[in-house]
Protein backbone atom coordinates (compact mmCIF):
# COMPACT_ATOMS: atom_id res chain seq x y z
CA MET A 1 -12.33 44.98 -12.05
CA LEU A 2 -11.30 45.57 -15.51
CA GLU A 3 -8.54 47.77 -14.40
CA SER A 4 -7.35 45.24 -12.08
CA GLY A 5 -6.96 42.78 -14.91
CA ALA A 6 -10.06 40.80 -15.09
CA ASP A 7 -10.95 39.63 -18.69
CA ILE A 8 -13.95 41.53 -20.23
CA ARG A 9 -15.38 38.36 -21.31
CA PHE A 10 -15.13 37.32 -17.66
CA ILE A 11 -17.32 40.52 -16.56
CA GLN A 12 -19.80 40.22 -19.31
CA GLN A 13 -20.56 36.43 -18.21
CA MET A 14 -20.63 37.64 -14.41
CA LEU A 15 -22.95 40.35 -15.16
CA GLY A 16 -24.93 38.35 -17.38
CA HIS A 17 -24.82 40.25 -20.71
CA ALA A 18 -25.60 38.48 -24.01
CA LYS A 19 -23.84 41.11 -25.89
CA LEU A 20 -20.39 42.48 -25.12
CA GLU A 21 -21.34 45.84 -26.33
CA THR A 22 -23.38 46.02 -23.33
CA THR A 23 -20.82 45.33 -20.76
CA GLN A 24 -18.47 47.53 -22.64
CA ILE A 25 -20.68 50.53 -21.28
CA TYR A 26 -19.97 49.84 -17.66
CA THR A 27 -16.38 48.97 -18.30
CA GLN A 28 -14.87 51.78 -19.69
CA VAL A 29 -10.92 51.91 -18.63
CA SER A 30 -9.64 55.38 -17.70
CA ILE A 31 -7.21 57.16 -20.01
CA ARG A 32 -4.96 57.43 -17.12
CA GLN A 33 -4.54 53.66 -16.57
CA ILE A 34 -4.12 53.45 -20.65
CA LYS A 35 -1.24 55.87 -20.39
CA GLU A 36 0.42 54.24 -17.62
CA VAL A 37 0.28 50.91 -19.33
CA HIS A 38 1.58 52.44 -22.49
CA THR A 39 4.58 54.08 -20.61
CA ARG A 40 5.52 51.21 -18.91
CA THR A 41 5.45 48.98 -21.80
CA HIS A 42 5.99 50.67 -25.04
CA PRO A 43 9.32 49.76 -26.63
CA ALA A 44 10.76 53.23 -27.50
CA PRO A 45 11.74 54.27 -24.03
CA LEU A 46 13.20 50.76 -23.45
CA ALA A 47 15.66 51.13 -26.28
CA LEU A 48 16.69 54.38 -24.89
CA ASP A 49 17.16 53.41 -21.21
CA PRO A 50 18.95 50.13 -20.76
CA GLU A 51 18.07 50.16 -16.96
CA LEU A 52 14.41 50.45 -17.82
CA ALA A 53 14.79 47.75 -20.17
CA ALA A 54 16.48 45.39 -17.61
CA GLU A 55 13.86 46.27 -14.88
CA LEU A 56 11.06 45.20 -17.40
CA ALA A 57 12.62 42.06 -18.42
CA ALA A 58 13.18 41.09 -14.55
CA GLU A 59 9.80 41.52 -14.17
CA LEU A 60 8.46 39.43 -17.09
CA VAL A 61 10.77 36.72 -15.82
CA GLU A 62 9.58 36.77 -12.37
CA GLU A 63 6.08 36.79 -13.50
CA ALA A 64 6.75 33.69 -15.89
CA ALA A 65 8.28 31.86 -12.77
CA GLU A 66 4.97 32.63 -10.73
CA ASP A 67 2.82 31.48 -13.48
CA GLU A 68 5.18 28.05 -13.68
CA ASP A 69 4.88 27.71 -10.02
CA GLY A 70 1.27 27.96 -9.95
CA LEU A 71 0.86 25.50 -12.68
CA ALA A 72 2.94 23.27 -10.77
CA ASP A 73 0.90 23.45 -7.49
CA ARG A 74 -2.15 22.81 -9.79
CA ALA A 75 -0.74 19.82 -11.37
CA GLY A 76 -1.21 17.70 -8.10
CA PRO A 77 0.71 14.36 -7.23
CA GLY A 78 2.11 12.06 -9.91
CA ILE A 79 1.69 15.00 -12.97
CA VAL A 80 4.72 16.41 -13.93
CA SER A 81 4.19 19.99 -15.56
CA ALA A 82 6.37 21.01 -18.62
């Protein structure tokens, strides 16, 4: 779940753990995933590769638009989301 993006506090609550340390025992993130995220998001390669920077920027814009659409859907009738 954690590797799919779930918040560790949510997992803690779901498992019924009083202490976050207990949850951490069961939710160790793989080194492979950490390296993958680092490679995709670290700014150094983006400065060297404008195409990669443009691709990441487009992904961020798309995610932001999806987030705004989700908020508008949940706002309901008569409520205007900012």
